[in-house]
Amino acid sequence: MIDRRVADFFQYWRQQYQWPLRRSRVNTERKIQEFKENARLAVASGKEERLASTLIQVHRWKTRNQAGITDDYARQLNKTPKRLRELQKVLPLTLESPNEILKKALDLLRFPDCNLPVCTAQLSFLSGRVFPILDRFLAQFFSRKVHPMILKWADFDILNVFETLGLIDFALEDDGRGKGVPRMAVYTEKFYRYNRNLFVDELIPRLQNLAKQLGEADITYEGIDRNLHYFTSVDLQMAIFIFGKKNPRLFRQFYKVPPIPSMPTHL
């Protein structure tokens, strides 16, 4: 049975989703639908150039092309047409795709300027938004590597949310800018594979199971069309992401304060 305050957390934050933050929710959702349709057409076409265009489009959406990273990625992608051909062999990606296929797809999507957070975004769109996106806010939330003051959040029972989600111990590291901001540890082969495996083997089924429980409890959220929609694993991911994005102080310098007190180490 899903606790009402846990449902409230996901309902409220899913309806706050926008990316980038300066864009309205309506424009955000419409852009996502546009990308989803572009990805569907690219996969159906079987054409390498359309697939590459979709991957670059999602990369730019996720990174905002900061410091020209998407431009660099596009050059890397264009130099390796064999990688695109290998990727086409594992498409389409569906809920029935074996975990090893999902891991192979992520490996093929990975480039020096395109690591696991962006790769999971590309995977999400290539699957028709069946699979969630892994970012550092989600990784921190599931691993409970957040500031202890998160437990003082009056509007939602965060401890109950944590306990409902369960613990997944994603690996994080300082981003090196000296500001106490973490990032996902994906820049060595060991940690990339560690976090990739947790994403596929644990996070995806965990979110799918929670979405199923919310559906069985007839819990919905209001879409931009004013209709009520049942949650998917992607909706749950979007809720956690925007909660983190709009409350960044809760997701900084967690390693410079005592651990969250009285938190179960595992469920």
C-alpha atoms as a PDB file:
ATOM      1  CA  MET A   1       0.000   0.000   0.000  1.00  0.00           C
ATOM      2  CA  ILE A   2       1.425   3.358  -1.063  1.00  0.00           C
ATOM      3  CA  ASP A   3       1.445   5.998   1.667  1.00  0.00           C
ATOM      4  CA  ARG A   4      -0.557   9.105   0.703  1.00  0.00           C
ATOM      5  CA  ARG A   5       2.341  11.464   1.468  1.00  0.00           C
ATOM      6  CA  VAL A   6       4.647   9.445  -0.762  1.00  0.00           C
ATOM      7  CA  ALA A   7       2.087   9.766  -3.561  1.00  0.00           C
ATOM      8  CA  ASP A   8       1.848  13.501  -2.843  1.00  0.00           C
ATOM      9  CA  PHE A   9       5.607  13.861  -3.327  1.00  0.00           C
ATOM     10  CA  PHE A  10       5.558  12.283  -6.775  1.00  0.00           C
ATOM     11  CA  GLN A  11       2.350  13.999  -7.875  1.00  0.00           C
ATOM     12  CA  TYR A  12       3.565  17.459  -6.895  1.00  0.00           C
ATOM     13  CA  TRP A  13       7.067  17.214  -8.322  1.00  0.00           C
ATOM     14  CA  ARG A  14       6.034  15.480 -11.545  1.00  0.00           C
ATOM     15  CA  GLN A  15       3.730  18.431 -12.213  1.00  0.00           C
ATOM     16  CA  GLN A  16       6.648  20.828 -11.594  1.00  0.00           C
ATOM     17  CA  TYR A  17       8.881  19.279 -14.248  1.00  0.00           C
ATOM     18  CA  GLN A  18      10.595  21.618 -16.686  1.00  0.00           C
ATOM     19  CA  TRP A  19      13.902  21.475 -18.491  1.00  0.00           C
ATOM     20  CA  PRO A  20      15.731  23.727 -18.814  1.00  0.00           C
ATOM     21  CA  LEU A  21      14.424  25.578 -15.763  1.00  0.00           C
ATOM     22  CA  ARG A  22      13.651  28.758 -17.671  1.00  0.00           C
ATOM     23  CA  ARG A  23      11.301  26.884 -20.003  1.00  0.00           C
ATOM     24  CA  SER A  24       7.618  26.489 -19.098  1.00  0.00           C
ATOM     25  CA  ARG A  25       6.185  23.094 -18.322  1.00  0.00           C
ATOM     26  CA  VAL A  26       4.061  23.191 -21.470  1.00  0.00           C
ATOM     27  CA  ASN A  27       7.043  23.964 -23.703  1.00  0.00           C
ATOM     28  CA  THR A  28       9.113  21.340 -21.890  1.00  0.00           C
ATOM     29  CA  GLU A  29       6.552  18.595 -22.407  1.00  0.00           C
ATOM     30  CA  ARG A  30       6.000  19.529 -26.041  1.00  0.00           C
ATOM     31  CA  LYS A  31       9.724  19.444 -26.728  1.00  0.00           C
ATOM     32  CA  ILE A  32       9.976  16.002 -25.135  1.00  0.00           C
ATOM     33  CA  GLN A  33       7.123  14.762 -27.320  1.00  0.00           C
ATOM     34  CA  GLU A  34       8.866  16.204 -30.372  1.00  0.00           C
ATOM     35  CA  PHE A  35      12.107  14.400 -29.500  1.00  0.00           C
ATOM     36  CA  LYS A  36      10.198  11.187 -28.806  1.00  0.00           C
ATOM     37  CA  GLU A  37       8.566  11.304 -32.231  1.00  0.00           C
ATOM     38  CA  ASN A  38      11.856  12.161 -33.946  1.00  0.00           C
ATOM     39  CA  ALA A  39      13.490   9.184 -32.245  1.00  0.00           C
ATOM     40  CA  ARG A  40      10.630   6.882 -33.256  1.00  0.00           C
ATOM     41  CA  LEU A  41      10.944   7.922 -36.886  1.00  0.00           C
ATOM     42  CA  ALA A  42      14.724   7.599 -36.793  1.00  0.00           C
ATOM     43  CA  VAL A  43      14.563   4.061 -35.409  1.00  0.00           C
ATOM     44  CA  ALA A  44      11.858   3.063 -37.896  1.00  0.00           C
ATOM     45  CA  SER A  45      13.784   4.507 -40.856  1.00  0.00           C
ATOM     46  CA  GLY A  46      16.884   2.401 -40.279  1.00  0.00           C
ATOM     47  CA  LYS A  47      18.979   5.293 -41.583  1.00  0.00           C
ATOM     48  CA  GLU A  48      22.265   6.060 -39.844  1.00  0.00           C
ATOM     49  CA  GLU A  49      22.077   9.794 -40.484  1.00  0.00           C
ATOM     50  CA  ARG A  50      18.635  10.070 -38.861  1.00  0.00           C
ATOM     51  CA  LEU A  51      19.783   8.045 -35.885  1.00  0.00           C
ATOM     52  CA  ALA A  52      22.868  10.249 -35.497  1.00  0.00           C
ATOM     53  CA  SER A  53      20.730  13.390 -35.722  1.00  0.00           C
ATOM     54  CA  THR A  54      18.478  12.105 -32.926  1.00  0.00           C
ATOM     55  CA  LEU A  55      21.420  11.228 -30.684  1.00  0.00           C
ATOM     56  CA  ILE A  56      22.931  14.686 -31.177  1.00  0.00           C
ATOM     57  CA  GLN A  57      19.564  16.338 -30.524  1.00  0.00           C
ATOM     58  CA  VAL A  58      19.122  14.509 -27.207  1.00  0.00           C
ATOM     59  CA  HIS A  59      22.731  15.210 -26.238  1.00  0.00           C
ATOM     60  CA  ARG A  60      22.223  18.924 -26.791  1.00  0.00           C
ATOM     61  CA  TRP A  61      18.959  18.875 -24.825  1.00  0.00           C
ATOM     62  CA  LYS A  62      20.609  17.163 -21.882  1.00  0.00           C
ATOM     63  CA  THR A  63      23.924  19.092 -21.780  1.00  0.00           C
ATOM     64  CA  ARG A  64      22.790  22.464 -23.177  1.00  0.00           C
ATOM     65  CA  ASN A  65      25.997  22.232 -25.262  1.00  0.00           C
ATOM     66  CA  GLN A  66      28.003  23.706 -22.391  1.00  0.00           C
ATOM     67  CA  ALA A  67      31.555  24.556 -23.477  1.00  0.00           C
ATOM     68  CA  GLY A  68      30.686  23.156 -26.915  1.00  0.00           C
ATOM     69  CA  ILE A  69      30.432  19.589 -25.623  1.00  0.00           C
ATOM     70  CA  THR A  70      27.675  18.621 -28.064  1.00  0.00           C
ATOM     71  CA  ASP A  71      29.676  19.972 -30.985  1.00  0.00           C
ATOM     72  CA  ASP A  72      32.620  17.822 -29.879  1.00  0.00           C
ATOM     73  CA  TYR A  73      30.344  14.821 -29.448  1.00  0.00           C
ATOM     74  CA  ALA A  74      28.896  15.259 -32.936  1.00  0.00           C
ATOM     75  CA  ARG A  75      32.397  15.122 -34.390  1.00  0.00           C
ATOM     76  CA  GLN A  76      33.184  11.973 -32.412  1.00  0.00           C
ATOM     77  CA  LEU A  77      29.952  10.351 -33.548  1.00  0.00           C
ATOM     78  CA  ASN A  78      30.529  11.191 -37.193  1.00  0.00           C
ATOM     79  CA  LYS A  79      33.948   9.554 -37.086  1.00  0.00           C
ATOM     80  CA  THR A  80      32.567   6.190 -35.958  1.00  0.00           C
ATOM     81  CA  PRO A  81      29.794   5.064 -38.345  1.00  0.00           C
ATOM     82  CA  LYS A  82      30.471   1.449 -37.327  1.00  0.00           C
ATOM     83  CA  ARG A  83      29.188   2.253 -33.828  1.00  0.00           C
ATOM     84  CA  LEU A  84      25.888   3.471 -35.290  1.00  0.00           C
ATOM     85  CA  ARG A  85      25.534   0.306 -37.363  1.00  0.00           C
ATOM     86  CA  GLU A  86      26.110  -1.817 -34.263  1.00  0.00           C
ATOM     87  CA  LEU A  87      23.559   0.233 -32.360  1.00  0.00           C
ATOM     88  CA  GLN A  88      20.957  -0.261 -35.070  1.00  0.00           C
ATOM     89  CA  LYS A  89      21.272  -4.022 -34.591  1.00  0.00           C
ATOM     90  CA  VAL A  90      19.932  -3.820 -31.013  1.00  0.00           C
ATOM     91  CA  LEU A  91      17.026  -1.509 -31.916  1.00  0.00           C
ATOM     92  CA  PRO A  92      14.156  -1.239 -31.214  1.00  0.00           C
ATOM     93  CA  LEU A  93      14.525  -1.194 -27.434  1.00  0.00           C
ATOM     94  CA  THR A  94      11.442  -2.242 -25.470  1.00  0.00           C
ATOM     95  CA  LEU A  95      10.447  -3.366 -21.983  1.00  0.00           C
ATOM     96  CA  GLU A  96      11.093  -6.905 -23.206  1.00  0.00           C
ATOM     97  CA  SER A  97      14.705  -6.137 -24.189  1.00  0.00           C
ATOM     98  CA  PRO A  98      17.065  -8.275 -22.058  1.00  0.00           C
ATOM     99  CA  ASN A  99      19.260  -6.435 -19.586  1.00  0.00           C
ATOM    100  CA  GLU A 100      22.380  -7.408 -21.504  1.00  0.00           C
ATOM    101  CA  ILE A 101      20.978  -5.725 -24.632  1.00  0.00           C
ATOM    102  CA  LEU A 102      20.316  -2.524 -22.674  1.00  0.00           C
ATOM    103  CA  LYS A 103      23.874  -2.591 -21.318  1.00  0.00           C
ATOM    104  CA  LYS A 104      25.256  -3.178 -24.799  1.00  0.00           C
ATOM    105  CA  ALA A 105      23.231  -0.239 -26.126  1.00  0.00           C
ATOM    106  CA  LEU A 106      24.615   2.018 -23.383  1.00  0.00           C
ATOM    107  CA  ASP A 107      28.153   0.876 -24.183  1.00  0.00           C
ATOM    108  CA  LEU A 108      27.630   1.709 -27.850  1.00  0.00           C
ATOM    109  CA  LEU A 109      26.197   5.119 -26.961  1.00  0.00           C
ATOM    110  CA  ARG A 110      29.151   5.992 -24.714  1.00  0.00           C
ATOM    111  CA  PHE A 111      31.797   8.372 -26.051  1.00  0.00           C
ATOM    112  CA  PRO A 112      34.415  10.602 -24.373  1.00  0.00           C
ATOM    113  CA  ASP A 113      31.886  13.460 -24.464  1.00  0.00           C
ATOM    114  CA  CYS A 114      28.820  11.304 -23.898  1.00  0.00           C
ATOM    115  CA  ASN A 115      28.809   9.323 -20.680  1.00  0.00           C
ATOM    116  CA  LEU A 116      26.193   7.440 -18.687  1.00  0.00           C
ATOM    117  CA  PRO A 117      23.780  10.306 -17.770  1.00  0.00           C
ATOM    118  CA  VAL A 118      23.496  11.392 -21.416  1.00  0.00           C
ATOM    119  CA  CYS A 119      23.575   7.810 -22.691  1.00  0.00           C
ATOM    120  CA  THR A 120      20.576   6.933 -20.524  1.00  0.00           C
ATOM    121  CA  ALA A 121      18.752   9.969 -21.917  1.00  0.00           C
ATOM    122  CA  GLN A 122      19.419   8.712 -25.442  1.00  0.00           C
ATOM    123  CA  LEU A 123      18.326   5.233 -24.399  1.00  0.00           C
ATOM    124  CA  SER A 124      15.118   6.699 -22.981  1.00  0.00           C
ATOM    125  CA  PHE A 125      14.165   8.367 -26.252  1.00  0.00           C
ATOM    126  CA  LEU A 126      15.265   5.445 -28.429  1.00  0.00           C
ATOM    127  CA  SER A 127      12.945   3.231 -26.367  1.00  0.00           C
ATOM    128  CA  GLY A 128       9.977   5.551 -26.812  1.00  0.00           C
ATOM    129  CA  ARG A 129      10.398   6.878 -23.255  1.00  0.00           C
ATOM    130  CA  VAL A 130       9.996   3.421 -21.745  1.00  0.00           C
ATOM    131  CA  PHE A 131      13.190   3.705 -19.699  1.00  0.00           C
ATOM    132  CA  PRO A 132      14.141   6.460 -17.227  1.00  0.00           C
ATOM    133  CA  ILE A 133      17.173   8.746 -17.316  1.00  0.00           C
ATOM    134  CA  LEU A 134      19.920   8.428 -14.731  1.00  0.00           C
ATOM    135  CA  ASP A 135      21.423  11.694 -13.488  1.00  0.00           C
ATOM    136  CA  ARG A 136      23.299  12.651 -10.350  1.00  0.00           C
ATOM    137  CA  PHE A 137      20.138  13.851  -8.565  1.00  0.00           C
ATOM    138  CA  LEU A 138      18.538  10.439  -9.048  1.00  0.00           C
ATOM    139  CA  ALA A 139      21.771   8.702  -8.046  1.00  0.00           C
ATOM    140  CA  GLN A 140      22.042  10.820  -4.900  1.00  0.00           C
ATOM    141  CA  PHE A 141      18.390  10.316  -4.010  1.00  0.00           C
ATOM    142  CA  PHE A 142      18.504   6.536  -4.344  1.00  0.00           C
ATOM    143  CA  SER A 143      21.861   6.229  -2.564  1.00  0.00           C
ATOM    144  CA  ARG A 144      20.725   8.735   0.104  1.00  0.00           C
ATOM    145  CA  LYS A 145      23.872  10.777  -0.390  1.00  0.00           C
ATOM    146  CA  VAL A 146      22.103  14.040   0.306  1.00  0.00           C
ATOM    147  CA  HIS A 147      22.278  16.712   2.971  1.00  0.00           C
ATOM    148  CA  PRO A 148      20.642  15.667   6.291  1.00  0.00           C
ATOM    149  CA  MET A 149      18.441  18.773   6.295  1.00  0.00           C
ATOM    150  CA  ILE A 150      16.365  17.024   3.609  1.00  0.00           C
ATOM    151  CA  LEU A 151      14.637  15.201   6.472  1.00  0.00           C
ATOM    152  CA  LYS A 152      13.357  18.528   7.809  1.00  0.00           C
ATOM    153  CA  TRP A 153      11.310  19.119   4.660  1.00  0.00           C
ATOM    154  CA  ALA A 154       7.908  19.861   6.142  1.00  0.00           C
ATOM    155  CA  ASP A 155       5.701  19.412   3.071  1.00  0.00           C
ATOM    156  CA  PHE A 156       6.623  15.803   2.344  1.00  0.00           C
ATOM    157  CA  ASP A 157       7.619  12.758   4.363  1.00  0.00           C
ATOM    158  CA  ILE A 158      11.011  12.305   2.688  1.00  0.00           C
ATOM    159  CA  LEU A 159      12.085   9.479   4.982  1.00  0.00           C
ATOM    160  CA  ASN A 160       9.009   7.519   3.903  1.00  0.00           C
ATOM    161  CA  VAL A 161       9.822   8.279   0.263  1.00  0.00           C
ATOM    162  CA  PHE A 162      13.346   6.932   0.792  1.00  0.00           C
ATOM    163  CA  GLU A 163      12.035   3.789   2.444  1.00  0.00           C
ATOM    164  CA  THR A 164       9.475   3.249  -0.323  1.00  0.00           C
ATOM    165  CA  LEU A 165      12.128   3.560  -3.036  1.00  0.00           C
ATOM    166  CA  GLY A 166      14.738   1.442  -1.285  1.00  0.00           C
ATOM    167  CA  LEU A 167      18.491   1.932  -1.363  1.00  0.00           C
ATOM    168  CA  ILE A 168      20.624   1.686  -4.501  1.00  0.00           C
ATOM    169  CA  ASP A 169      24.219   2.581  -3.708  1.00  0.00           C
ATOM    170  CA  PHE A 170      25.297   4.507  -6.816  1.00  0.00           C
ATOM    171  CA  ALA A 171      28.901   5.706  -6.864  1.00  0.00           C
ATOM    172  CA  LEU A 172      29.435   9.473  -6.823  1.00  0.00           C
ATOM    173  CA  GLU A 173      32.486  11.730  -6.635  1.00  0.00           C
ATOM    174  CA  ASP A 174      33.273  15.417  -6.257  1.00  0.00           C
ATOM    175  CA  ASP A 175      33.138  17.195  -9.612  1.00  0.00           C
ATOM    176  CA  GLY A 176      36.507  18.816  -8.952  1.00  0.00           C
ATOM    177  CA  ARG A 177      35.408  22.453  -9.071  1.00  0.00           C
ATOM    178  CA  GLY A 178      35.854  22.956  -5.332  1.00  0.00           C
ATOM    179  CA  LYS A 179      32.192  23.856  -4.761  1.00  0.00           C
ATOM    180  CA  GLY A 180      31.080  20.695  -3.014  1.00  0.00           C
ATOM    181  CA  VAL A 181      28.975  19.570  -5.969  1.00  0.00           C
ATOM    182  CA  PRO A 182      29.076  15.838  -6.738  1.00  0.00           C
ATOM    183  CA  ARG A 183      28.812  14.076 -10.048  1.00  0.00           C
ATOM    184  CA  MET A 184      28.274  10.477 -11.018  1.00  0.00           C
ATOM    185  CA  ALA A 185      31.446   8.400 -10.986  1.00  0.00           C
ATOM    186  CA  VAL A 186      31.522   7.193 -14.596  1.00  0.00           C
ATOM    187  CA  TYR A 187      34.935   8.286 -15.851  1.00  0.00           C
ATOM    188  CA  THR A 188      36.768   5.030 -15.193  1.00  0.00           C
ATOM    189  CA  GLU A 189      35.739   1.729 -16.693  1.00  0.00           C
ATOM    190  CA  LYS A 190      35.219   0.207 -13.239  1.00  0.00           C
ATOM    191  CA  PHE A 191      32.789   2.843 -11.983  1.00  0.00           C
ATOM    192  CA  TYR A 192      31.069   3.261 -15.326  1.00  0.00           C
ATOM    193  CA  ARG A 193      30.209  -0.441 -15.363  1.00  0.00           C
ATOM    194  CA  TYR A 194      29.250  -0.382 -11.701  1.00  0.00           C
ATOM    195  CA  ASN A 195      26.747   2.454 -12.159  1.00  0.00           C
ATOM    196  CA  ARG A 196      25.552   1.134 -15.522  1.00  0.00           C
ATOM    197  CA  ASN A 197      24.752  -2.243 -13.971  1.00  0.00           C
ATOM    198  CA  LEU A 198      22.871  -0.650 -11.068  1.00  0.00           C
ATOM    199  CA  PHE A 199      20.862   1.448 -13.514  1.00  0.00           C
ATOM    200  CA  VAL A 200      19.801  -1.533 -15.625  1.00  0.00           C
ATOM    201  CA  ASP A 201      19.548  -4.275 -13.015  1.00  0.00           C
ATOM    202  CA  GLU A 202      18.114  -2.317 -10.078  1.00  0.00           C
ATOM    203  CA  LEU A 203      16.883   1.199 -10.891  1.00  0.00           C
ATOM    204  CA  ILE A 204      14.756   0.362 -13.925  1.00  0.00           C
ATOM    205  CA  PRO A 205      12.805  -2.488 -12.251  1.00  0.00           C
ATOM    206  CA  ARG A 206      12.528  -0.518  -8.996  1.00  0.00           C
ATOM    207  CA  LEU A 207      10.857   2.432 -10.727  1.00  0.00           C
ATOM    208  CA  GLN A 208       8.687   0.181 -12.875  1.00  0.00           C
ATOM    209  CA  ASN A 209       7.464  -1.632  -9.778  1.00  0.00           C
ATOM    210  CA  LEU A 210       6.653   1.617  -7.976  1.00  0.00           C
ATOM    211  CA  ALA A 211       4.774   2.924 -11.018  1.00  0.00           C
ATOM    212  CA  LYS A 212       2.750  -0.301 -11.003  1.00  0.00           C
ATOM    213  CA  GLN A 213       1.930   0.120  -7.305  1.00  0.00           C
ATOM    214  CA  LEU A 214       0.797   3.712  -7.872  1.00  0.00           C
ATOM    215  CA  GLY A 215      -1.396   2.545 -10.733  1.00  0.00           C
ATOM    216  CA  GLU A 216      -2.960  -0.198  -8.636  1.00  0.00           C
ATOM    217  CA  ALA A 217      -3.739   2.470  -6.014  1.00  0.00           C
ATOM    218  CA  ASP A 218      -5.350   4.583  -8.778  1.00  0.00           C
ATOM    219  CA  ILE A 219      -2.896   7.449  -8.140  1.00  0.00           C
ATOM    220  CA  THR A 220      -2.421   9.798 -11.076  1.00  0.00           C
ATOM    221  CA  TYR A 221      -0.945  13.190 -11.951  1.00  0.00           C
ATOM    222  CA  GLU A 222      -2.335  16.004 -14.081  1.00  0.00           C
ATOM    223  CA  GLY A 223      -0.732  16.440 -17.499  1.00  0.00           C
ATOM    224  CA  ILE A 224      -0.452  19.633 -19.519  1.00  0.00           C
ATOM    225  CA  ASP A 225      -3.612  18.499 -21.318  1.00  0.00           C
ATOM    226  CA  ARG A 226      -5.434  18.765 -17.938  1.00  0.00           C
ATOM    227  CA  ASN A 227      -6.144  15.034 -18.109  1.00  0.00           C
ATOM    228  CA  LEU A 228      -5.100  12.592 -15.398  1.00  0.00           C
ATOM    229  CA  HIS A 229      -2.277  10.205 -16.280  1.00  0.00           C
ATOM    230  CA  TYR A 230      -0.961   7.111 -14.577  1.00  0.00           C
ATOM    231  CA  PHE A 231       2.682   7.185 -13.574  1.00  0.00           C
ATOM    232  CA  THR A 232       5.392   5.443 -15.555  1.00  0.00           C
ATOM    233  CA  SER A 233       8.958   4.856 -14.408  1.00  0.00           C
ATOM    234  CA  VAL A 234       9.937   7.907 -16.464  1.00  0.00           C
ATOM    235  CA  ASP A 235       7.406  10.096 -14.636  1.00  0.00           C
ATOM    236  CA  LEU A 236       8.885   9.041 -11.290  1.00  0.00           C
ATOM    237  CA  GLN A 237      12.382   9.829 -12.526  1.00  0.00           C
ATOM    238  CA  MET A 238      11.246  13.240 -13.747  1.00  0.00           C
ATOM    239  CA  ALA A 239       9.753  14.019 -10.324  1.00  0.00           C
ATOM    240  CA  ILE A 240      12.980  13.190  -8.479  1.00  0.00           C
ATOM    241  CA  PHE A 241      15.094  15.102 -10.994  1.00  0.00           C
ATOM    242  CA  ILE A 242      13.141  18.340 -10.701  1.00  0.00           C
ATOM    243  CA  PHE A 243      12.999  18.057  -6.913  1.00  0.00           C
ATOM    244  CA  GLY A 244      16.799  17.957  -6.936  1.00  0.00           C
ATOM    245  CA  LYS A 245      17.186  20.642  -9.566  1.00  0.00           C
ATOM    246  CA  LYS A 246      14.954  23.085  -7.701  1.00  0.00           C
ATOM    247  CA  ASN A 247      16.490  22.299  -4.305  1.00  0.00           C
ATOM    248  CA  PRO A 248      20.219  22.170  -5.112  1.00  0.00           C
ATOM    249  CA  ARG A 249      21.335  22.980  -1.544  1.00  0.00           C
ATOM    250  CA  LEU A 250      20.069  19.560  -0.470  1.00  0.00           C
ATOM    251  CA  PHE A 251      22.333  17.876  -3.012  1.00  0.00           C
ATOM    252  CA  ARG A 252      25.618  19.669  -2.268  1.00  0.00           C
ATOM    253  CA  GLN A 253      28.387  19.001   0.202  1.00  0.00           C
ATOM    254  CA  PHE A 254      26.698  15.890   1.576  1.00  0.00           C
ATOM    255  CA  TYR A 255      30.188  14.464   2.196  1.00  0.00           C
ATOM    256  CA  LYS A 256      31.147  17.434   4.382  1.00  0.00           C
ATOM    257  CA  VAL A 257      28.450  16.813   7.000  1.00  0.00           C
ATOM    258  CA  PRO A 258      27.563  13.797   9.182  1.00  0.00           C
ATOM    259  CA  PRO A 259      25.556  11.058   7.450  1.00  0.00           C
ATOM    260  CA  ILE A 260      21.780  11.247   7.578  1.00  0.00           C
ATOM    261  CA  PRO A 261      20.878  10.000  11.070  1.00  0.00           C
ATOM    262  CA  SER A 262      18.664   6.987  11.703  1.00  0.00           C
ATOM    263  CA  MET A 263      18.538   6.036   8.039  1.00  0.00           C
ATOM    264  CA  PRO A 264      18.295   2.285   7.391  1.00  0.00           C
ATOM    265  CA  THR A 265      21.394   1.064   5.573  1.00  0.00           C
ATOM    266  CA  HIS A 266      19.326  -1.291   3.447  1.00  0.00           C
ATOM    267  CA  LEU A 267      15.747  -2.409   3.086  1.00  0.00           C
END
